[in-house]
Every structure is written in structure tokens, then in C-alpha cells.
N, C-alpha and C. Protein backbone atom coordinates (compact mmCIF):
# COMPACT_ATOMS: atom_id res chain seq x y z
N MET A 1 116.21 109.37 79.36
CA MET A 1 116.56 108.05 80.54
C MET A 1 116.69 107.17 79.65
N THR A 2 118.07 106.38 80.41
CA THR A 2 119.17 105.56 79.72
C THR A 2 118.12 104.15 79.92
N ILE A 3 118.25 103.53 78.95
CA ILE A 3 117.08 102.01 79.24
C ILE A 3 118.76 101.04 79.55
N THR A 4 118.67 100.72 80.86
CA THR A 4 119.44 99.58 80.86
C THR A 4 119.19 98.07 81.04
N PRO A 5 119.85 96.73 80.75
CA PRO A 5 119.71 96.08 80.50
C PRO A 5 118.39 95.55 81.72
N SER A 6 118.41 95.86 82.80
CA SER A 6 117.72 95.59 83.81
C SER A 6 116.47 96.41 83.48
N ILE A 7 116.30 97.46 83.17
CA ILE A 7 115.23 98.04 83.02
C ILE A 7 114.82 97.84 81.99
N GLN A 8 115.42 97.13 81.16
CA GLN A 8 114.26 96.80 79.38
C GLN A 8 113.92 95.26 80.25
N LYS A 9 114.52 94.48 81.04
CA LYS A 9 113.86 93.26 81.37
C LYS A 9 112.70 93.55 82.27
N PHE A 10 112.86 94.49 83.13
CA PHE A 10 111.46 94.93 83.89
C PHE A 10 110.51 95.19 82.97
N ILE A 11 110.47 96.68 81.85
CA ILE A 11 109.55 96.96 81.14
C ILE A 11 108.84 95.45 80.21
N ASP A 12 109.71 94.83 79.89
CA ASP A 12 109.12 93.47 79.39
C ASP A 12 108.30 92.67 80.12
N GLY A 13 109.17 92.64 80.88
CA GLY A 13 108.00 91.46 82.42
C GLY A 13 106.80 92.13 82.51
N TRP A 14 106.79 93.44 82.79
CA TRP A 14 105.75 94.10 83.16
C TRP A 14 104.71 94.22 82.18
N ALA A 15 105.12 94.78 80.69
CA ALA A 15 104.28 94.14 79.80
C ALA A 15 103.79 92.79 79.36
N GLU A 16 104.69 91.89 79.53
CA GLU A 16 104.00 90.77 79.57
C GLU A 16 102.77 90.02 80.40
N MET A 17 103.21 90.79 81.88
CA MET A 17 102.03 90.42 83.06
C MET A 17 101.10 91.15 82.52
N ALA A 18 101.50 92.46 82.19
CA ALA A 18 99.76 93.37 81.81
C ALA A 18 99.01 92.54 80.82
N CYS A 19 99.77 92.33 79.45
CA CYS A 19 98.84 91.35 78.47
C CYS A 19 98.23 90.55 79.12
N LYS A 20 98.29 89.91 80.13
CA LYS A 20 97.56 88.92 80.56
C LYS A 20 96.33 89.33 81.28
N TRP A 21 96.59 90.45 81.82
CA TRP A 21 95.50 91.08 82.06
C TRP A 21 94.46 91.96 81.14
N ALA A 22 94.79 91.83 79.72
CA ALA A 22 94.41 92.25 78.89
C ALA A 22 94.16 93.77 78.83
N VAL A 23 95.65 94.42 78.90
CA VAL A 23 96.05 95.27 78.70
C VAL A 23 97.07 95.23 77.53
N ASN A 24 96.99 96.08 76.68
CA ASN A 24 97.72 96.34 75.54
C ASN A 24 99.59 96.86 75.74
N ARG A 25 100.12 95.87 75.10
CA ARG A 25 101.52 95.89 75.31
C ARG A 25 102.24 97.01 75.36
N THR A 26 102.01 97.72 74.62
CA THR A 26 102.61 99.12 74.46
C THR A 26 102.25 99.90 75.42
N VAL A 27 100.81 99.70 75.93
CA VAL A 27 100.20 100.61 77.09
C VAL A 27 101.23 100.56 78.61
N ALA A 28 101.39 99.17 78.48
CA ALA A 28 102.10 98.23 79.71
C ALA A 28 103.16 99.19 79.65
N GLU A 29 104.60 98.71 78.78
CA GLU A 29 105.48 99.44 78.69
C GLU A 29 105.44 100.67 78.84
N VAL A 30 104.85 101.29 78.43
CA VAL A 30 105.06 103.23 78.57
C VAL A 30 105.01 102.98 79.55
N HIS A 31 103.74 102.39 80.56
CA HIS A 31 103.30 103.14 82.11
C HIS A 31 104.67 102.25 82.63
N ALA A 32 105.30 101.26 82.41
CA ALA A 32 106.23 100.76 83.34
C ALA A 32 107.56 101.83 83.02
N LEU A 33 107.80 102.42 81.86
CA LEU A 33 108.49 103.49 81.55
C LEU A 33 108.77 104.43 82.32
N PHE A 34 107.37 104.96 82.96
CA PHE A 34 107.02 105.96 83.67
C PHE A 34 107.28 105.67 84.98
N TYR A 35 106.80 104.47 85.76
CA TYR A 35 106.75 104.11 87.00
C TYR A 35 108.94 104.25 87.53
N LEU A 36 109.07 103.80 86.47
CA LEU A 36 110.65 103.55 86.64
C LEU A 36 110.82 104.96 86.79
N SER A 37 110.92 106.02 86.12
CA SER A 37 111.60 107.17 85.80
C SER A 37 110.93 107.88 86.56
N ALA A 38 112.48 108.91 87.37
CA ALA A 38 112.47 109.46 88.27
C ALA A 38 111.87 110.89 87.86
N GLU A 39 112.39 111.03 86.65
CA GLU A 39 112.00 112.65 86.23
C GLU A 39 110.69 112.49 85.23
N PRO A 40 109.48 113.78 85.29
CA PRO A 40 108.49 113.40 84.12
C PRO A 40 109.28 113.15 83.10
N LEU A 41 108.66 112.94 81.89
CA LEU A 41 108.41 112.28 80.13
C LEU A 41 108.09 113.09 79.52
N SER A 42 108.68 113.38 78.46
CA SER A 42 107.56 113.98 77.25
C SER A 42 107.33 112.37 76.14
N ALA A 43 106.35 112.72 75.37
CA ALA A 43 105.90 111.67 74.87
C ALA A 43 107.30 111.56 73.54
N GLU A 44 108.06 112.42 73.24
CA GLU A 44 109.26 112.28 72.33
C GLU A 44 110.03 111.44 73.59
N ASP A 45 110.12 111.34 74.39
CA ASP A 45 111.17 110.75 75.15
C ASP A 45 110.84 109.41 75.37
N VAL A 46 109.31 109.42 75.89
CA VAL A 46 108.91 107.73 75.28
C VAL A 46 109.47 106.83 73.99
N ALA A 47 108.98 107.63 73.03
CA ALA A 47 109.23 107.10 71.69
C ALA A 47 110.48 106.69 71.52
N GLN A 48 111.26 107.67 72.11
CA GLN A 48 112.78 107.40 71.98
C GLN A 48 113.37 106.15 72.48
N ALA A 49 112.72 106.59 73.63
CA ALA A 49 113.54 105.73 74.54
C ALA A 49 113.13 103.74 74.60
N LEU A 50 111.84 103.89 73.71
CA LEU A 50 110.65 102.53 73.80
C LEU A 50 110.94 102.14 72.47
N ALA A 51 111.60 102.94 71.71
CA ALA A 51 111.62 103.01 70.10
C ALA A 51 109.99 102.47 69.58
N VAL A 52 109.27 103.44 69.86
CA VAL A 52 108.22 102.90 69.19
C VAL A 52 107.34 104.34 68.86
N SER A 53 106.49 104.37 67.82
CA SER A 53 105.58 105.51 67.11
C SER A 53 105.37 106.22 67.97
N ARG A 54 105.31 107.85 67.61
CA ARG A 54 105.08 108.97 68.04
C ARG A 54 103.47 108.64 68.50
N SER A 55 102.75 108.21 67.41
CA SER A 55 101.26 107.78 67.40
C SER A 55 101.12 107.25 68.81
N ASN A 56 101.59 105.62 68.44
CA ASN A 56 101.63 104.88 69.46
C ASN A 56 101.75 105.46 70.74
N VAL A 57 102.76 106.34 70.82
CA VAL A 57 102.98 106.69 72.56
C VAL A 57 101.87 107.66 72.51
N SER A 58 100.97 108.31 71.74
CA SER A 58 100.32 109.44 72.24
C SER A 58 99.09 108.64 72.28
N ALA A 59 98.30 107.44 72.21
CA ALA A 59 97.30 106.60 72.08
C ALA A 59 97.59 106.08 73.72
N SER A 60 98.69 105.75 74.16
CA SER A 60 98.99 105.07 74.89
C SER A 60 99.19 105.92 76.18
N LEU A 61 100.01 107.35 76.15
CA LEU A 61 99.13 108.17 76.88
C LEU A 61 98.10 108.44 77.30
N ARG A 62 97.21 108.71 76.30
CA ARG A 62 95.46 108.79 76.29
C ARG A 62 95.02 107.42 77.64
N GLU A 63 95.49 106.68 77.05
CA GLU A 63 94.52 105.25 77.50
C GLU A 63 95.00 105.50 79.15
N LEU A 64 96.82 105.67 79.46
CA LEU A 64 96.61 105.67 80.84
C LEU A 64 96.45 107.11 81.85
N GLU A 65 96.52 108.29 81.00
CA GLU A 65 95.94 109.26 81.39
C GLU A 65 94.33 109.26 81.99
N GLY A 66 93.94 108.10 81.30
CA GLY A 66 92.32 108.16 81.52
C GLY A 66 92.07 106.98 82.70
N LEU A 67 93.02 105.93 82.76
CA LEU A 67 93.02 105.17 83.50
C LEU A 67 93.72 105.67 84.94
N GLY A 68 94.24 106.94 85.29
CA GLY A 68 94.32 107.31 86.19
C GLY A 68 95.89 107.20 86.92
N LEU A 69 96.80 106.63 85.46
CA LEU A 69 98.02 105.83 85.89
C LEU A 69 99.06 106.67 85.83
N ILE A 70 98.88 107.26 85.29
CA ILE A 70 99.91 108.84 84.54
C ILE A 70 99.34 110.04 85.00
N SER A 71 99.52 111.02 85.01
CA SER A 71 98.97 112.64 84.85
C SER A 71 100.23 113.55 84.42
N ALA A 72 99.48 114.91 83.90
CA ALA A 72 100.19 116.06 83.59
C ALA A 72 100.91 116.50 84.39
N VAL A 73 102.09 116.81 84.00
CA VAL A 73 102.85 117.96 84.77
C VAL A 73 103.40 119.24 83.94
N HIS A 74 103.68 120.08 84.94
CA HIS A 74 104.37 121.34 83.67
C HIS A 74 106.23 121.11 84.57
N VAL A 75 106.85 121.42 83.46
CA VAL A 75 108.29 121.60 83.35
C VAL A 75 108.29 122.95 83.04
N ARG A 76 109.28 123.66 84.19
CA ARG A 76 109.34 125.22 83.78
C ARG A 76 110.47 124.97 82.49
N GLY A 77 110.12 126.45 81.68
CA GLY A 77 110.62 126.62 80.58
C GLY A 77 110.61 125.53 79.63
N ASP A 78 109.87 124.84 79.25
CA ASP A 78 109.70 123.76 78.43
C ASP A 78 108.36 123.58 78.18
N ARG A 79 108.12 124.00 76.84
CA ARG A 79 106.56 123.81 76.32
C ARG A 79 106.04 122.42 75.87
N LYS A 80 106.97 121.67 76.13
CA LYS A 80 106.78 120.08 75.69
C LYS A 80 105.62 119.85 76.55
N GLN A 81 104.55 118.87 76.80
CA GLN A 81 103.66 118.62 77.75
C GLN A 81 104.49 117.12 78.36
N TYR A 82 104.64 117.27 79.45
CA TYR A 82 105.50 115.90 80.14
C TYR A 82 104.09 115.38 80.94
N TYR A 83 104.47 114.29 81.34
CA TYR A 83 104.07 113.43 82.36
C TYR A 83 104.99 112.55 83.59
N GLU A 84 103.99 111.98 84.39
CA GLU A 84 104.45 111.54 85.55
C GLU A 84 103.62 109.94 86.14
N ALA A 85 103.95 108.95 86.32
CA ALA A 85 103.20 107.91 86.78
C ALA A 85 102.59 108.02 88.65
N ALA A 86 101.58 107.39 88.67
CA ALA A 86 101.57 107.53 89.87
C ALA A 86 102.55 106.36 90.34
N LYS A 87 103.05 106.75 91.80
CA LYS A 87 104.46 105.24 92.16
C LYS A 87 103.77 104.39 92.66
N ASP A 88 102.40 104.50 93.30
CA ASP A 88 102.21 103.72 94.66
C ASP A 88 101.36 102.63 93.56
N PRO A 89 102.10 101.05 93.74
CA PRO A 89 101.61 99.94 92.87
C PRO A 89 100.51 99.64 93.30
N TRP A 90 99.91 99.92 94.95
CA TRP A 90 98.80 99.55 95.03
C TRP A 90 97.72 99.92 94.31
N GLU A 91 97.74 101.52 94.04
CA GLU A 91 97.08 102.82 93.37
C GLU A 91 96.96 101.76 91.71
N ALA A 92 97.99 101.34 91.33
CA ALA A 92 98.08 100.97 90.27
C ALA A 92 97.03 99.90 89.65
N PHE A 93 97.40 99.33 90.98
CA PHE A 93 96.28 97.82 90.58
C PHE A 93 94.67 98.16 90.87
N ARG A 94 94.94 98.97 91.31
CA ARG A 94 93.21 99.36 91.86
C ARG A 94 92.63 100.12 90.25
N ALA A 95 93.60 100.70 89.78
CA ALA A 95 92.70 101.71 88.84
C ALA A 95 92.69 100.76 87.34
N ILE A 96 93.52 99.37 87.62
CA ILE A 96 93.27 98.46 86.71
C ILE A 96 92.03 97.78 86.71
N LEU A 97 92.05 97.25 88.13
CA LEU A 97 91.02 96.23 88.42
C LEU A 97 89.46 97.41 88.21
N ASP A 98 89.54 98.56 88.45
CA ASP A 98 88.56 99.34 88.28
C ASP A 98 88.04 99.17 86.94
N ASP A 99 89.16 99.51 85.58
CA ASP A 99 89.05 99.38 84.49
C ASP A 99 88.53 98.06 83.80
N HIS A 100 89.13 96.63 84.86
CA HIS A 100 88.65 95.96 84.25
C HIS A 100 86.85 95.45 84.64
N LYS A 101 86.64 95.71 85.73
CA LYS A 101 85.54 95.24 86.34
C LYS A 101 84.43 96.37 84.98
N ARG A 102 84.92 97.56 84.92
CA ARG A 102 83.78 98.46 83.73
C ARG A 102 83.90 97.91 83.07
N ARG A 103 85.24 97.34 82.25
CA ARG A 103 84.86 96.76 80.95
C ARG A 103 84.45 95.61 80.46
N ILE A 104 84.82 94.67 81.41
CA ILE A 104 84.77 93.69 81.46
C ILE A 104 83.75 92.70 82.06
N ILE A 105 83.74 92.89 83.58
CA ILE A 105 82.86 91.99 84.31
C ILE A 105 81.57 92.50 84.56
N ASP A 106 81.43 93.96 84.37
CA ASP A 106 79.72 94.82 84.56
C ASP A 106 79.25 94.14 83.09
N PRO A 107 79.55 94.19 82.03
CA PRO A 107 78.94 93.89 80.83
C PRO A 107 78.66 92.53 81.07
N ALA A 108 79.85 91.76 81.09
CA ALA A 108 79.50 90.19 81.81
C ALA A 108 78.35 89.93 82.46
N VAL A 109 78.19 90.36 83.59
CA VAL A 109 77.12 90.14 84.46
C VAL A 109 75.86 90.65 83.29
N VAL A 110 75.86 91.48 82.92
CA VAL A 110 74.62 91.74 82.14
C VAL A 110 74.19 90.99 81.39
N VAL A 111 74.93 90.49 80.52
CA VAL A 111 74.93 89.41 79.04
C VAL A 111 74.45 88.02 80.20
N PHE A 112 75.11 87.60 81.24
CA PHE A 112 74.79 86.44 82.05
C PHE A 112 73.57 86.20 82.64
N GLN A 113 72.63 87.99 82.73
CA GLN A 113 71.33 87.94 83.52
C GLN A 113 70.43 87.42 82.18
N ALA A 114 70.52 88.47 81.27
CA ALA A 114 70.23 88.25 80.12
C ALA A 114 69.85 86.41 79.29
N CYS A 115 70.88 85.93 79.43
CA CYS A 115 70.71 84.82 79.57
C CYS A 115 70.15 83.90 80.08
N LEU A 116 69.83 84.57 81.27
CA LEU A 116 69.15 83.62 82.01
C LEU A 116 68.18 83.54 81.77
N GLU A 117 67.40 84.79 81.76
CA GLU A 117 65.78 85.43 81.71
C GLU A 117 65.58 84.48 80.27
N GLU A 118 66.85 84.57 79.17
CA GLU A 118 66.26 83.92 78.16
C GLU A 118 66.14 82.20 78.33
N GLN A 119 66.95 81.59 78.90
CA GLN A 119 66.95 80.37 79.19
C GLN A 119 65.28 79.88 79.90
N MET A 120 65.05 80.77 80.82
CA MET A 120 63.61 80.88 81.33
C MET A 120 62.31 80.71 80.72
N ARG A 121 63.05 81.60 79.67
CA ARG A 121 61.55 81.73 79.25
C ARG A 121 61.44 80.68 77.71
N THR A 122 62.82 80.30 77.25
CA THR A 122 62.77 79.63 76.19
C THR A 122 63.17 78.15 76.63
N ALA A 123 63.25 78.06 77.41
CA ALA A 123 63.43 76.24 78.23
C ALA A 123 63.53 76.33 79.35
N PRO A 124 62.37 76.38 80.42
CA PRO A 124 62.60 76.45 81.26
C PRO A 124 62.00 74.85 82.24
N GLU A 125 62.52 73.93 81.24
CA GLU A 125 62.28 72.35 81.32
C GLU A 125 64.00 72.72 81.91
N ASP A 126 65.12 73.12 80.94
CA ASP A 126 66.45 72.34 81.17
C ASP A 126 66.58 73.33 82.74
N SER A 127 66.52 73.20 84.31
CA SER A 127 66.75 73.30 85.01
C SER A 127 68.18 73.55 85.76
N TYR A 128 68.94 72.24 85.00
CA TYR A 128 70.41 72.28 85.17
C TYR A 128 71.04 73.75 84.41
N THR A 129 71.04 74.15 83.33
CA THR A 129 71.60 75.10 82.68
C THR A 129 71.15 75.93 83.37
N ALA A 130 69.91 76.76 83.80
CA ALA A 130 69.66 77.68 84.77
C ALA A 130 70.38 77.83 85.64
N GLU A 131 70.44 76.83 86.40
CA GLU A 131 71.15 76.89 87.76
C GLU A 131 72.68 76.82 87.37
N ARG A 132 73.45 76.76 86.39
CA ARG A 132 74.55 76.94 86.51
C ARG A 132 75.03 78.68 85.82
N MET A 133 73.47 79.55 84.87
CA MET A 133 73.73 80.18 85.08
C MET A 133 73.52 81.02 86.50
N ARG A 134 72.84 80.78 86.91
CA ARG A 134 72.36 81.23 88.75
C ARG A 134 73.88 81.44 89.66
N GLU A 135 74.46 80.53 89.41
CA GLU A 135 75.70 79.98 90.07
C GLU A 135 76.85 81.21 89.48
N ILE A 136 76.69 81.49 88.60
CA ILE A 136 77.66 82.05 88.03
C ILE A 136 77.34 84.10 88.52
N ILE A 137 75.94 83.93 88.49
CA ILE A 137 75.51 85.32 88.54
C ILE A 137 75.70 85.60 90.05
N SER A 138 75.42 84.56 91.08
CA SER A 138 75.17 84.69 92.40
C SER A 138 76.72 84.83 93.10
N PHE A 139 78.01 84.25 92.00
CA PHE A 139 79.22 84.05 92.45
C PHE A 139 79.66 85.77 92.21
N PHE A 140 79.55 86.44 90.81
CA PHE A 140 79.62 87.74 90.85
C PHE A 140 78.65 88.76 91.81
N ALA A 141 77.90 88.59 92.22
CA ALA A 141 76.74 88.98 92.69
C ALA A 141 77.49 89.26 94.75
N ALA A 142 78.45 88.08 94.83
CA ALA A 142 79.14 87.91 96.02
C ALA A 142 80.64 89.00 95.88
N ILE A 143 81.07 88.40 94.94
CA ILE A 143 82.50 89.07 94.66
C ILE A 143 82.83 90.59 94.49
N ILE A 144 81.51 91.09 93.74
CA ILE A 144 81.32 92.70 93.49
C ILE A 144 81.51 93.47 94.82
N PRO A 145 80.76 93.14 95.90
CA PRO A 145 80.75 93.90 96.93
C PRO A 145 81.87 93.69 98.07
N LEU A 146 82.87 92.53 97.53
CA LEU A 146 83.92 92.52 97.81
C LEU A 146 84.80 93.24 97.64
N TYR A 147 84.97 93.03 96.31
CA TYR A 147 86.01 93.91 95.55
C TYR A 147 86.20 95.51 95.92
N GLN A 148 84.35 96.19 96.14
CA GLN A 148 84.08 97.46 96.63
C GLN A 148 84.73 97.87 97.70
N GLU A 149 84.52 96.59 98.33
CA GLU A 149 85.11 96.54 100.25
C GLU A 149 86.52 96.96 100.23
N LEU A 150 87.18 96.35 99.18
CA LEU A 150 88.81 96.12 99.35
C LEU A 150 89.18 97.59 98.35
N ARG A 151 88.11 97.64 97.64
CA ARG A 151 88.83 98.81 97.26
C ARG A 151 88.64 100.00 97.87
N ARG A 152 87.94 100.67 98.73
CA ARG A 152 87.83 101.17 99.34
C ARG A 152 88.83 101.67 100.54
N LEU A 153 89.63 100.49 100.96
CA LEU A 153 90.67 100.06 101.68
C LEU A 153 91.64 101.36 101.64
N PRO A 154 92.51 101.71 102.35
CA PRO A 154 93.35 102.25 102.62
C PRO A 154 94.29 100.83 102.11
N HIS A 155 95.81 100.93 101.51
CA HIS A 155 96.82 99.92 100.93
C HIS A 155 97.26 99.45 102.21
N ALA A 156 97.52 99.70 103.25
CA ALA A 156 98.11 99.36 104.50
C ALA A 156 97.49 98.25 105.01
N PRO A 157 96.20 98.36 105.52
CA PRO A 157 95.18 97.37 105.96
C PRO A 157 95.33 96.19 105.13
N ILE A 158 95.31 96.48 104.08
CA ILE A 158 94.95 95.07 102.67
C ILE A 158 96.42 94.38 102.89
N GLN A 159 98.03 94.96 103.07
CA GLN A 159 98.90 94.19 103.43
C GLN A 159 99.21 93.57 104.54
N ASN A 160 98.47 94.33 105.63
CA ASN A 160 98.28 93.29 107.01
C ASN A 160 97.46 92.18 106.83
N LEU A 161 96.34 92.41 105.66
CA LEU A 161 95.76 91.05 105.93
C LEU A 161 96.47 90.08 104.99
N PHE A 162 97.50 90.29 104.15
CA PHE A 162 98.15 89.35 103.41
C PHE A 162 98.79 88.53 103.93
N LYS A 163 99.87 89.46 105.15
CA LYS A 163 100.62 88.68 106.03
C LYS A 163 99.81 88.08 107.10
N VAL A 164 98.71 88.33 107.21
CA VAL A 164 97.74 87.19 108.47
C VAL A 164 97.55 86.35 107.62
N THR A 165 97.25 86.05 106.50
CA THR A 165 96.97 85.08 105.49
C THR A 165 98.10 84.31 105.35
N THR A 166 99.56 84.79 104.85
CA THR A 166 100.17 83.91 104.77
C THR A 166 100.78 83.15 106.31
N THR A 167 100.84 84.15 107.12
CA THR A 167 101.26 83.51 108.81
C THR A 167 100.13 82.22 108.83
N ILE A 168 98.78 82.38 108.52
CA ILE A 168 97.56 81.32 108.93
C ILE A 168 98.06 80.41 107.93
N ARG A 169 98.78 80.44 106.96
CA ARG A 169 98.91 79.31 105.76
C ARG A 169 100.16 78.56 106.18
N GLU A 170 101.21 79.18 106.96
CA GLU A 170 102.04 78.63 107.51
C GLU A 170 101.96 77.54 108.72
N LEU A 171 101.27 78.35 109.86
CA LEU A 171 100.48 77.70 110.74
C LEU A 171 99.71 76.32 110.38
N LEU A 172 99.06 76.30 109.34
CA LEU A 172 98.19 75.21 108.81
C LEU A 172 98.88 74.05 108.12
N GLY A 173 100.13 74.36 107.52
CA GLY A 173 100.99 74.19 106.72
C GLY A 173 100.25 73.69 105.44
């Protein structure tokens, strides 16, 4: 795959966005390259196109495959391992949200709950702090089922929901 200036800008923009979502920059660059590629790519193809080490590419491929953002494909007549990306941006977004919930939100909720329990045991008179902790735990208790509901919906109804909310916002000024 030839990296044109616009492709490089896209890869850089994708990586910059992903870094803000706690995704490794190289992993994001590799994913962006696969997303734009019309053909399956090998690890060597990726290393050459992005000018990154083969070991860094291998680690990125494992992570992307674990997230379900790329999958191995067979290329007839070639013994190298090739991969291609899932092309649906909604599915990519869902995979990243799933990973963030599992790696970031779920452990944080466990910590917050333990903090509240400790707070109640060690400083029960400090009702303000306990209430703040309860508020954040309640927030996640409300948002997680909403996330799970959005997670199970096909992307067409979600797109329609976005269009409706945009229309409502425009009508309300």
C-alpha cells in the first residue's frame, strides 16, 4: 500500500484521537492502515508502510486481533500471515468501548465501591464524602445498563437516534 500525504494525515489523525482514548499510538496507526487498505496486509507490509519495527507491529497485531478489530485471512499462494480490518466504524467503536469498559470502568467501579465501604467503616461521620462516592457509583450504575443497551442495538437505529437528537437540538435553538 502506498502511503500518500492524505493517507498519512488520516493515520496521524486516527492515532492522535486514539491516544486520547488510551489506545497505544502504534496500535492505532496499524489499525488505521488496515482500515484504509483495500487488500489484506502482512506484518512486513505494515512495518514497511509505517516504518515501525516488526516486533512493534506483531504486538499491535495481537492487540488488534484480541479486540476484534482485525482478523487473519488466507491469501492463496502465499505462506505469510495476512490480516484485514473490520470495515464498519460502528463495530470498531463498540470494540473499543467494550475494551474500555472492561479495562478501565469495571475496575474503577470496584475501587469506588471498596472506598465507600472503607469510608463508612473508618469515618462514618463524614457523610459528605460518602455521598460523593455514592453519587459516582450511582452514575456508573445508571450508565452501564445504558451502554449495554446501546451495545446490543444495530447501528442503524443508533444513527437514527443521532439524527433525531440533532433535529431536536436545531428546533430548540
